[in-house]
Amino acid sequence: MKLDESESKMKSSVEATQRDFNTVRTGRANSSLLDKVEVEYYGTPTPLKSLASVSTPDASTIMIQPYDKGTLNIIEKAISLSDVGITPNNDGSSIRLNIPPLTSERRQEFVKLASKYAEDGKVAIRNIRRETVDSIRKREKAGEISEDESRDEQDKLQKLTNKYTAKIDDLLAEKEKDITKV
């Protein structure tokens, strides 16, 4: 595996971690809380955002307006069964999710969840590094590159790994600040 391949995979890991962070609640309404919600639509799991428009009219409300009014009840059921932890309010034409203020205990739980997502992202980056180091060592044993070139590539790879794990740490610090802000 080449270094540029490894770097693009590491970027993807950081982006995946950011998407995971977006699903963690903060004190404000955020439509990305519903990114992982899937609705059973004609026997097929379908992302909620494919069936409805999701907006945040104010800081404590998420509004879901289905494109087809017939899907209102199955969307409501999918949200109730999801791990979002908010009870949907169906008014006959749309669904409102009122985001309650977080207690300090819930904030700490969400900080732990964000930390877990960050650690998962770092593990993915370290796995990419390990695979690339194995590839470099195989190329060295096969005589394709010299020992010095191998060391240089491994040093560059370690710098990439440090760069992307630091990005995840920065994202985590930002998310923790959002979660703990009252």
N, C-alpha and C. Protein backbone atom coordinates (compact mmCIF):
# COMPACT_ATOMS: atom_id res chain seq x y z
N MET A 1 0.85 -1.18 0.00
CA MET A 1 0.00 0.00 0.00
C MET A 1 0.89 1.25 0.00
N LYS A 2 0.59 2.19 -0.84
CA LYS A 2 1.36 3.42 -0.95
C LYS A 2 0.92 4.42 0.13
N LEU A 3 1.78 5.41 0.38
CA LEU A 3 1.48 6.41 1.41
C LEU A 3 0.26 7.25 1.07
N ASP A 4 0.10 7.61 -0.22
CA ASP A 4 -1.05 8.43 -0.58
C ASP A 4 -2.36 7.65 -0.42
N GLU A 5 -2.32 6.34 -0.67
CA GLU A 5 -3.50 5.49 -0.42
C GLU A 5 -3.83 5.50 1.07
N SER A 6 -2.78 5.35 1.88
CA SER A 6 -2.96 5.34 3.33
C SER A 6 -3.54 6.66 3.81
N GLU A 7 -3.03 7.76 3.24
CA GLU A 7 -3.51 9.08 3.66
C GLU A 7 -4.99 9.24 3.32
N SER A 8 -5.40 8.80 2.13
CA SER A 8 -6.82 8.95 1.77
C SER A 8 -7.70 8.08 2.67
N LYS A 9 -7.21 6.89 3.05
CA LYS A 9 -7.98 6.05 3.97
C LYS A 9 -8.08 6.71 5.35
N MET A 10 -6.99 7.35 5.78
CA MET A 10 -7.00 8.03 7.07
C MET A 10 -7.97 9.21 7.04
N LYS A 11 -8.00 9.94 5.92
CA LYS A 11 -8.95 11.05 5.78
C LYS A 11 -10.37 10.51 5.90
N SER A 12 -10.63 9.37 5.24
CA SER A 12 -11.96 8.76 5.31
C SER A 12 -12.32 8.39 6.74
N SER A 13 -11.36 7.90 7.50
CA SER A 13 -11.61 7.54 8.90
C SER A 13 -11.97 8.77 9.72
N VAL A 14 -11.28 9.88 9.46
CA VAL A 14 -11.58 11.12 10.18
C VAL A 14 -13.00 11.59 9.81
N GLU A 15 -13.35 11.50 8.52
CA GLU A 15 -14.69 11.91 8.08
C GLU A 15 -15.77 11.02 8.70
N ALA A 16 -15.50 9.72 8.78
CA ALA A 16 -16.47 8.80 9.40
C ALA A 16 -16.64 9.13 10.88
N THR A 17 -15.54 9.47 11.54
CA THR A 17 -15.62 9.85 12.95
C THR A 17 -16.44 11.12 13.12
N GLN A 18 -16.24 12.08 12.20
CA GLN A 18 -17.03 13.32 12.25
C GLN A 18 -18.52 13.03 12.08
N ARG A 19 -18.85 12.12 11.17
CA ARG A 19 -20.26 11.75 10.98
C ARG A 19 -20.83 11.11 12.25
N ASP A 20 -20.02 10.27 12.91
CA ASP A 20 -20.46 9.67 14.17
C ASP A 20 -20.69 10.76 15.23
N PHE A 21 -19.78 11.73 15.30
CA PHE A 21 -19.93 12.83 16.26
C PHE A 21 -21.23 13.59 16.00
N ASN A 22 -21.59 13.75 14.73
CA ASN A 22 -22.80 14.51 14.40
C ASN A 22 -24.06 13.85 14.94
N THR A 23 -24.00 12.55 15.19
CA THR A 23 -25.19 11.85 15.69
C THR A 23 -25.30 11.93 17.21
N VAL A 24 -24.32 12.51 17.88
CA VAL A 24 -24.35 12.65 19.33
C VAL A 24 -25.03 13.97 19.68
N ARG A 25 -26.02 13.90 20.56
CA ARG A 25 -26.78 15.09 20.92
C ARG A 25 -25.94 16.11 21.68
N THR A 26 -26.21 17.37 21.39
CA THR A 26 -25.70 18.46 22.21
C THR A 26 -26.94 19.14 22.79
N GLY A 27 -26.81 20.27 23.36
CA GLY A 27 -27.97 20.96 23.92
C GLY A 27 -28.88 21.57 22.87
N ARG A 28 -28.42 21.65 21.63
CA ARG A 28 -29.19 22.29 20.56
C ARG A 28 -29.74 21.26 19.59
N ALA A 29 -30.81 21.64 18.89
CA ALA A 29 -31.39 20.78 17.87
C ALA A 29 -30.44 20.72 16.67
N ASN A 30 -30.28 19.53 16.12
CA ASN A 30 -29.39 19.33 14.98
C ASN A 30 -29.98 18.21 14.13
N SER A 31 -30.25 18.50 12.87
CA SER A 31 -30.91 17.49 12.03
C SER A 31 -30.05 16.25 11.81
N SER A 32 -28.74 16.35 12.01
CA SER A 32 -27.88 15.18 11.81
C SER A 32 -28.08 14.13 12.91
N LEU A 33 -28.83 14.46 13.96
CA LEU A 33 -29.17 13.45 14.98
C LEU A 33 -29.93 12.29 14.35
N LEU A 34 -30.63 12.57 13.25
CA LEU A 34 -31.47 11.57 12.61
C LEU A 34 -30.78 10.86 11.44
N ASP A 35 -29.49 11.10 11.25
CA ASP A 35 -28.77 10.50 10.11
C ASP A 35 -28.81 8.98 10.11
N LYS A 36 -28.79 8.37 11.27
CA LYS A 36 -28.73 6.91 11.34
C LYS A 36 -30.11 6.25 11.41
N VAL A 37 -31.17 7.07 11.44
CA VAL A 37 -32.53 6.53 11.54
C VAL A 37 -32.95 5.99 10.18
N GLU A 38 -33.38 4.73 10.17
CA GLU A 38 -33.88 4.11 8.94
C GLU A 38 -35.33 3.71 9.15
N VAL A 39 -36.14 3.94 8.11
CA VAL A 39 -37.57 3.66 8.15
C VAL A 39 -37.85 2.45 7.27
N GLU A 40 -38.65 1.52 7.79
CA GLU A 40 -39.05 0.34 7.00
C GLU A 40 -40.11 0.80 6.00
N TYR A 41 -39.71 0.99 4.75
CA TYR A 41 -40.59 1.55 3.71
C TYR A 41 -40.77 0.50 2.62
N TYR A 42 -41.96 -0.05 2.51
CA TYR A 42 -42.25 -1.14 1.57
C TYR A 42 -41.25 -2.29 1.72
N GLY A 43 -40.97 -2.64 2.97
CA GLY A 43 -40.10 -3.78 3.26
C GLY A 43 -38.62 -3.51 3.12
N THR A 44 -38.25 -2.27 2.82
CA THR A 44 -36.83 -1.94 2.64
C THR A 44 -36.42 -0.86 3.64
N PRO A 45 -35.32 -1.08 4.36
CA PRO A 45 -34.84 -0.02 5.26
C PRO A 45 -34.38 1.18 4.42
N THR A 46 -34.98 2.32 4.65
CA THR A 46 -34.71 3.52 3.87
C THR A 46 -34.29 4.64 4.82
N PRO A 47 -33.24 5.40 4.48
CA PRO A 47 -32.86 6.52 5.35
C PRO A 47 -34.01 7.52 5.47
N LEU A 48 -34.19 8.05 6.68
CA LEU A 48 -35.26 9.00 6.95
C LEU A 48 -35.21 10.20 6.00
N LYS A 49 -34.00 10.67 5.71
CA LYS A 49 -33.86 11.87 4.88
C LYS A 49 -34.29 11.64 3.43
N SER A 50 -34.48 10.38 3.03
CA SER A 50 -34.99 10.09 1.69
C SER A 50 -36.51 10.19 1.64
N LEU A 51 -37.15 10.11 2.81
CA LEU A 51 -38.61 10.10 2.87
C LEU A 51 -39.21 11.41 3.37
N ALA A 52 -38.38 12.29 3.93
CA ALA A 52 -38.92 13.51 4.53
C ALA A 52 -37.87 14.61 4.55
N SER A 53 -38.36 15.85 4.61
CA SER A 53 -37.42 16.96 4.80
C SER A 53 -37.29 17.17 6.31
N VAL A 54 -36.04 17.38 6.73
CA VAL A 54 -35.75 17.56 8.15
C VAL A 54 -35.18 18.95 8.33
N SER A 55 -35.78 19.73 9.24
CA SER A 55 -35.30 21.09 9.47
C SER A 55 -35.29 21.39 10.96
N THR A 56 -34.63 22.47 11.32
CA THR A 56 -34.59 22.91 12.72
C THR A 56 -35.11 24.34 12.78
N PRO A 57 -36.43 24.50 13.02
CA PRO A 57 -37.01 25.85 13.05
C PRO A 57 -36.50 26.70 14.21
N ASP A 58 -36.10 26.08 15.30
CA ASP A 58 -35.50 26.83 16.41
C ASP A 58 -34.48 25.93 17.11
N ALA A 59 -33.84 26.44 18.14
CA ALA A 59 -32.73 25.74 18.79
C ALA A 59 -33.14 24.49 19.55
N SER A 60 -34.45 24.33 19.81
CA SER A 60 -34.86 23.17 20.60
C SER A 60 -35.86 22.26 19.87
N THR A 61 -36.04 22.44 18.57
CA THR A 61 -37.02 21.65 17.83
C THR A 61 -36.46 21.15 16.51
N ILE A 62 -36.76 19.89 16.20
CA ILE A 62 -36.48 19.34 14.87
C ILE A 62 -37.83 19.04 14.24
N MET A 63 -38.02 19.53 13.01
CA MET A 63 -39.29 19.35 12.30
C MET A 63 -39.06 18.38 11.14
N ILE A 64 -39.93 17.36 11.06
CA ILE A 64 -39.84 16.37 9.99
C ILE A 64 -41.13 16.43 9.20
N GLN A 65 -41.01 16.75 7.89
CA GLN A 65 -42.19 16.81 7.03
C GLN A 65 -42.04 15.76 5.94
N PRO A 66 -42.83 14.69 6.01
CA PRO A 66 -42.74 13.63 5.00
C PRO A 66 -43.18 14.13 3.63
N TYR A 67 -42.53 13.60 2.60
CA TYR A 67 -42.93 13.94 1.23
C TYR A 67 -44.28 13.31 0.91
N ASP A 68 -44.54 12.14 1.52
CA ASP A 68 -45.80 11.43 1.34
C ASP A 68 -46.45 11.31 2.72
N LYS A 69 -47.62 11.91 2.90
CA LYS A 69 -48.29 11.93 4.21
C LYS A 69 -48.58 10.52 4.72
N GLY A 70 -48.67 9.54 3.83
CA GLY A 70 -48.92 8.16 4.23
C GLY A 70 -47.78 7.54 5.01
N THR A 71 -46.61 8.13 4.95
CA THR A 71 -45.45 7.58 5.66
C THR A 71 -45.30 8.16 7.06
N LEU A 72 -46.18 9.07 7.44
CA LEU A 72 -46.06 9.77 8.72
C LEU A 72 -45.97 8.80 9.90
N ASN A 73 -46.88 7.81 9.94
CA ASN A 73 -46.89 6.89 11.08
C ASN A 73 -45.67 5.97 11.12
N ILE A 74 -45.21 5.51 9.95
CA ILE A 74 -44.03 4.62 9.98
C ILE A 74 -42.76 5.41 10.33
N ILE A 75 -42.71 6.69 9.94
CA ILE A 75 -41.57 7.53 10.33
C ILE A 75 -41.59 7.74 11.84
N GLU A 76 -42.77 8.03 12.38
CA GLU A 76 -42.90 8.23 13.83
C GLU A 76 -42.47 6.97 14.58
N LYS A 77 -42.90 5.81 14.09
CA LYS A 77 -42.54 4.54 14.73
C LYS A 77 -41.03 4.30 14.67
N ALA A 78 -40.41 4.58 13.51
CA ALA A 78 -38.97 4.38 13.36
C ALA A 78 -38.18 5.27 14.31
N ILE A 79 -38.62 6.51 14.49
CA ILE A 79 -37.94 7.42 15.42
C ILE A 79 -38.10 6.92 16.86
N SER A 80 -39.30 6.45 17.19
CA SER A 80 -39.55 5.93 18.54
C SER A 80 -38.66 4.73 18.84
N LEU A 81 -38.46 3.86 17.85
CA LEU A 81 -37.67 2.64 18.05
C LEU A 81 -36.16 2.89 17.95
N SER A 82 -35.76 4.04 17.42
CA SER A 82 -34.33 4.33 17.23
C SER A 82 -33.68 4.67 18.57
N ASP A 83 -32.36 4.85 18.53
CA ASP A 83 -31.63 5.19 19.76
C ASP A 83 -31.50 6.70 19.95
N VAL A 84 -32.34 7.49 19.27
CA VAL A 84 -32.29 8.95 19.39
C VAL A 84 -32.68 9.38 20.81
N GLY A 85 -33.64 8.67 21.40
CA GLY A 85 -34.02 8.95 22.78
C GLY A 85 -34.96 10.14 22.93
N ILE A 86 -35.69 10.48 21.87
CA ILE A 86 -36.63 11.60 21.92
C ILE A 86 -37.98 11.09 21.44
N THR A 87 -39.04 11.46 22.13
CA THR A 87 -40.38 11.03 21.74
C THR A 87 -40.92 11.96 20.65
N PRO A 88 -41.32 11.39 19.51
CA PRO A 88 -41.85 12.24 18.43
C PRO A 88 -43.29 12.68 18.71
N ASN A 89 -43.62 13.89 18.27
CA ASN A 89 -44.98 14.42 18.39
C ASN A 89 -45.55 14.55 16.99
N ASN A 90 -46.59 13.78 16.69
CA ASN A 90 -47.22 13.76 15.37
C ASN A 90 -48.45 14.66 15.40
N ASP A 91 -48.45 15.68 14.51
CA ASP A 91 -49.62 16.58 14.48
C ASP A 91 -50.51 16.33 13.26
N GLY A 92 -50.32 15.22 12.57
CA GLY A 92 -51.15 14.88 11.43
C GLY A 92 -50.55 15.24 10.08
N SER A 93 -49.64 16.21 10.06
CA SER A 93 -49.00 16.58 8.80
C SER A 93 -47.48 16.60 8.91
N SER A 94 -46.98 16.69 10.15
CA SER A 94 -45.53 16.69 10.36
C SER A 94 -45.24 16.09 11.73
N ILE A 95 -43.95 15.86 11.96
CA ILE A 95 -43.52 15.32 13.25
C ILE A 95 -42.55 16.32 13.86
N ARG A 96 -42.75 16.62 15.11
CA ARG A 96 -41.84 17.52 15.83
C ARG A 96 -41.10 16.71 16.89
N LEU A 97 -39.81 17.00 16.99
CA LEU A 97 -39.01 16.43 18.07
C LEU A 97 -38.55 17.60 18.93
N ASN A 98 -39.03 17.64 20.17
CA ASN A 98 -38.61 18.70 21.09
C ASN A 98 -37.38 18.21 21.84
N ILE A 99 -36.30 18.93 21.68
CA ILE A 99 -35.03 18.55 22.30
C ILE A 99 -35.02 19.10 23.72
N PRO A 100 -35.11 18.21 24.72
CA PRO A 100 -35.10 18.71 26.10
C PRO A 100 -33.68 19.11 26.50
N PRO A 101 -33.57 20.02 27.45
CA PRO A 101 -32.23 20.39 27.93
C PRO A 101 -31.58 19.15 28.56
N LEU A 102 -30.28 19.04 28.39
CA LEU A 102 -29.56 17.87 28.91
C LEU A 102 -29.20 18.04 30.38
N THR A 103 -29.35 16.96 31.14
CA THR A 103 -28.88 16.97 32.52
C THR A 103 -27.37 16.76 32.51
N SER A 104 -26.74 17.04 33.62
CA SER A 104 -25.28 16.87 33.66
C SER A 104 -24.89 15.41 33.49
N GLU A 105 -25.73 14.48 33.98
CA GLU A 105 -25.43 13.05 33.81
C GLU A 105 -25.49 12.67 32.33
N ARG A 106 -26.54 13.16 31.65
CA ARG A 106 -26.67 12.86 30.22
C ARG A 106 -25.52 13.46 29.44
N ARG A 107 -25.10 14.65 29.81
CA ARG A 107 -23.96 15.29 29.14
C ARG A 107 -22.72 14.40 29.27
N GLN A 108 -22.50 13.86 30.47
CA GLN A 108 -21.33 13.01 30.69
C GLN A 108 -21.44 11.72 29.86
N GLU A 109 -22.66 11.16 29.76
CA GLU A 109 -22.85 9.97 28.92
C GLU A 109 -22.51 10.28 27.47
N PHE A 110 -22.94 11.44 26.98
CA PHE A 110 -22.67 11.81 25.59
C PHE A 110 -21.19 12.09 25.37
N VAL A 111 -20.51 12.64 26.38
CA VAL A 111 -19.06 12.85 26.26
C VAL A 111 -18.36 11.49 26.16
N LYS A 112 -18.82 10.51 26.95
CA LYS A 112 -18.24 9.16 26.88
C LYS A 112 -18.48 8.54 25.51
N LEU A 113 -19.69 8.73 24.98
CA LEU A 113 -20.01 8.19 23.66
C LEU A 113 -19.13 8.82 22.59
N ALA A 114 -18.95 10.13 22.66
CA ALA A 114 -18.09 10.82 21.70
C ALA A 114 -16.65 10.31 21.83
N SER A 115 -16.20 10.09 23.05
CA SER A 115 -14.84 9.57 23.27
C SER A 115 -14.69 8.17 22.66
N LYS A 116 -15.74 7.36 22.77
CA LYS A 116 -15.71 6.03 22.17
C LYS A 116 -15.60 6.14 20.65
N TYR A 117 -16.39 7.04 20.05
CA TYR A 117 -16.30 7.23 18.60
C TYR A 117 -14.91 7.69 18.19
N ALA A 118 -14.32 8.58 19.00
CA ALA A 118 -12.97 9.07 18.70
C ALA A 118 -11.96 7.92 18.76
N GLU A 119 -12.09 7.09 19.78
CA GLU A 119 -11.16 5.95 19.91
C GLU A 119 -11.33 4.98 18.75
N ASP A 120 -12.58 4.76 18.32
CA ASP A 120 -12.80 3.89 17.16
C ASP A 120 -12.11 4.45 15.92
N GLY A 121 -12.19 5.77 15.74
CA GLY A 121 -11.52 6.41 14.61
C GLY A 121 -10.01 6.26 14.68
N LYS A 122 -9.46 6.41 15.88
CA LYS A 122 -8.00 6.27 16.06
C LYS A 122 -7.56 4.83 15.80
N VAL A 123 -8.38 3.87 16.24
CA VAL A 123 -8.06 2.46 16.00
C VAL A 123 -8.03 2.19 14.49
N ALA A 124 -9.00 2.75 13.77
CA ALA A 124 -9.03 2.57 12.32
C ALA A 124 -7.76 3.14 11.68
N ILE A 125 -7.33 4.29 12.14
CA ILE A 125 -6.11 4.92 11.61
C ILE A 125 -4.89 4.05 11.93
N ARG A 126 -4.83 3.54 13.16
CA ARG A 126 -3.69 2.68 13.52
C ARG A 126 -3.68 1.39 12.71
N ASN A 127 -4.87 0.86 12.39
CA ASN A 127 -4.94 -0.34 11.55
C ASN A 127 -4.42 -0.05 10.14
N ILE A 128 -4.75 1.12 9.62
CA ILE A 128 -4.25 1.51 8.30
C ILE A 128 -2.72 1.60 8.35
N ARG A 129 -2.21 2.20 9.43
CA ARG A 129 -0.75 2.32 9.59
C ARG A 129 -0.12 0.93 9.62
N ARG A 130 -0.72 0.01 10.39
CA ARG A 130 -0.14 -1.34 10.51
C ARG A 130 -0.10 -2.04 9.15
N GLU A 131 -1.21 -1.95 8.40
CA GLU A 131 -1.25 -2.57 7.07
C GLU A 131 -0.18 -1.99 6.15
N THR A 132 -0.01 -0.68 6.21
CA THR A 132 0.97 -0.02 5.35
C THR A 132 2.39 -0.40 5.75
N VAL A 133 2.65 -0.47 7.05
CA VAL A 133 3.99 -0.88 7.51
C VAL A 133 4.28 -2.30 7.04
N ASP A 134 3.29 -3.19 7.14
CA ASP A 134 3.48 -4.57 6.66
C ASP A 134 3.83 -4.56 5.17
N SER A 135 3.12 -3.73 4.41
CA SER A 135 3.36 -3.63 2.97
C SER A 135 4.78 -3.13 2.68
N ILE A 136 5.21 -2.12 3.44
CA ILE A 136 6.56 -1.56 3.25
C ILE A 136 7.60 -2.63 3.57
N ARG A 137 7.40 -3.36 4.65
CA ARG A 137 8.37 -4.41 5.04
C ARG A 137 8.44 -5.53 4.01
N LYS A 138 7.29 -5.89 3.44
CA LYS A 138 7.29 -6.91 2.39
C LYS A 138 8.08 -6.44 1.17
N ARG A 139 7.88 -5.17 0.81
CA ARG A 139 8.61 -4.62 -0.34
C ARG A 139 10.12 -4.58 -0.05
N GLU A 140 10.48 -4.31 1.21
CA GLU A 140 11.89 -4.30 1.59
C GLU A 140 12.48 -5.71 1.51
N LYS A 141 11.76 -6.71 2.02
CA LYS A 141 12.24 -8.09 1.98
C LYS A 141 12.37 -8.60 0.55
N ALA A 142 11.46 -8.14 -0.31
CA ALA A 142 11.49 -8.57 -1.71
C ALA A 142 12.60 -7.87 -2.49
N GLY A 143 13.24 -6.89 -1.86
CA GLY A 143 14.33 -6.19 -2.53
C GLY A 143 13.87 -5.05 -3.43
N GLU A 144 12.58 -4.68 -3.35
CA GLU A 144 12.07 -3.59 -4.18
C GLU A 144 12.56 -2.23 -3.70
N ILE A 145 12.75 -2.11 -2.37
CA ILE A 145 13.26 -0.86 -1.80
C ILE A 145 14.35 -1.19 -0.80
N SER A 146 15.23 -0.21 -0.54
CA SER A 146 16.33 -0.44 0.41
C SER A 146 15.84 -0.24 1.84
N GLU A 147 16.69 -0.59 2.78
CA GLU A 147 16.35 -0.45 4.20
C GLU A 147 16.13 1.02 4.56
N ASP A 148 16.97 1.90 4.00
CA ASP A 148 16.83 3.34 4.26
C ASP A 148 15.51 3.88 3.71
N GLU A 149 15.15 3.45 2.50
CA GLU A 149 13.88 3.90 1.92
C GLU A 149 12.71 3.39 2.76
N SER A 150 12.85 2.18 3.26
CA SER A 150 11.81 1.60 4.11
C SER A 150 11.62 2.45 5.37
N ARG A 151 12.75 2.80 6.00
CA ARG A 151 12.68 3.62 7.22
C ARG A 151 12.07 5.00 6.92
N ASP A 152 12.47 5.59 5.79
CA ASP A 152 11.92 6.91 5.41
C ASP A 152 10.41 6.83 5.24
N GLU A 153 9.94 5.81 4.53
CA GLU A 153 8.50 5.65 4.31
C GLU A 153 7.77 5.43 5.63
N GLN A 154 8.36 4.63 6.51
CA GLN A 154 7.72 4.38 7.81
C GLN A 154 7.68 5.65 8.65
N ASP A 155 8.73 6.48 8.56
CA ASP A 155 8.72 7.75 9.29
C ASP A 155 7.63 8.68 8.75
N LYS A 156 7.51 8.75 7.42
CA LYS A 156 6.47 9.59 6.81
C LYS A 156 5.08 9.08 7.22
N LEU A 157 4.95 7.76 7.24
CA LEU A 157 3.68 7.15 7.62
C LEU A 157 3.33 7.49 9.07
N GLN A 158 4.32 7.46 9.95
CA GLN A 158 4.07 7.79 11.35
C GLN A 158 3.65 9.25 11.48
N LYS A 159 4.25 10.13 10.69
CA LYS A 159 3.86 11.54 10.73
C LYS A 159 2.41 11.71 10.27
N LEU A 160 2.02 10.97 9.21
CA LEU A 160 0.62 11.01 8.75
C LEU A 160 -0.31 10.51 9.86
N THR A 161 0.07 9.41 10.49
CA THR A 161 -0.75 8.84 11.56
C THR A 161 -0.92 9.85 12.68
N ASN A 162 0.17 10.50 13.08
CA ASN A 162 0.10 11.50 14.15
C ASN A 162 -0.81 12.67 13.74
N LYS A 163 -0.70 13.09 12.48
CA LYS A 163 -1.50 14.21 11.98
C LYS A 163 -3.00 13.89 12.06
N TYR A 164 -3.38 12.70 11.60
CA TYR A 164 -4.80 12.37 11.57
C TYR A 164 -5.36 12.00 12.95
N THR A 165 -4.55 11.42 13.82
CA THR A 165 -5.05 11.19 15.18
C THR A 165 -5.21 12.53 15.91
N ALA A 166 -4.33 13.49 15.62
CA ALA A 166 -4.48 14.83 16.22
C ALA A 166 -5.76 15.50 15.72
N LYS A 167 -6.11 15.28 14.43
CA LYS A 167 -7.36 15.85 13.91
C LYS A 167 -8.55 15.27 14.67
N ILE A 168 -8.52 13.96 14.92
CA ILE A 168 -9.62 13.34 15.67
C ILE A 168 -9.67 13.91 17.09
N ASP A 169 -8.50 14.11 17.71
CA ASP A 169 -8.47 14.70 19.06
C ASP A 169 -9.08 16.10 19.05
N ASP A 170 -8.77 16.89 18.00
CA ASP A 170 -9.33 18.24 17.89
C ASP A 170 -10.84 18.19 17.73
N LEU A 171 -11.33 17.27 16.87
CA LEU A 171 -12.77 17.13 16.69
C LEU A 171 -13.45 16.73 18.00
N LEU A 172 -12.81 15.83 18.73
CA LEU A 172 -13.36 15.38 20.01
C LEU A 172 -13.43 16.54 21.00
N ALA A 173 -12.37 17.33 21.08
CA ALA A 173 -12.36 18.46 22.01
C ALA A 173 -13.48 19.45 21.67
N GLU A 174 -13.68 19.68 20.38
CA GLU A 174 -14.74 20.59 19.93
C GLU A 174 -16.12 20.02 20.29
N LYS A 175 -16.30 18.72 20.07
CA LYS A 175 -17.59 18.08 20.37
C LYS A 175 -17.85 18.10 21.87
N GLU A 176 -16.82 17.81 22.67
CA GLU A 176 -16.99 17.83 24.13
C GLU A 176 -17.39 19.23 24.60
N LYS A 177 -16.80 20.25 23.99
CA LYS A 177 -17.14 21.63 24.34
C LYS A 177 -18.61 21.90 24.01
N ASP A 178 -19.07 21.43 22.84
CA ASP A 178 -20.48 21.60 22.45
C ASP A 178 -21.42 20.89 23.41
N ILE A 179 -21.04 19.67 23.80
CA ILE A 179 -21.91 18.87 24.67
C ILE A 179 -21.99 19.50 26.06
N THR A 180 -20.88 19.94 26.60
CA THR A 180 -20.86 20.43 27.97
C THR A 180 -21.33 21.88 28.10
N LYS A 181 -21.42 22.61 26.98
CA LYS A 181 -21.88 24.00 27.03
C LYS A 181 -23.36 24.02 27.39
N VAL A 182 -23.70 24.77 28.42
CA VAL A 182 -25.10 24.84 28.87
C VAL A 182 -25.82 25.97 28.17
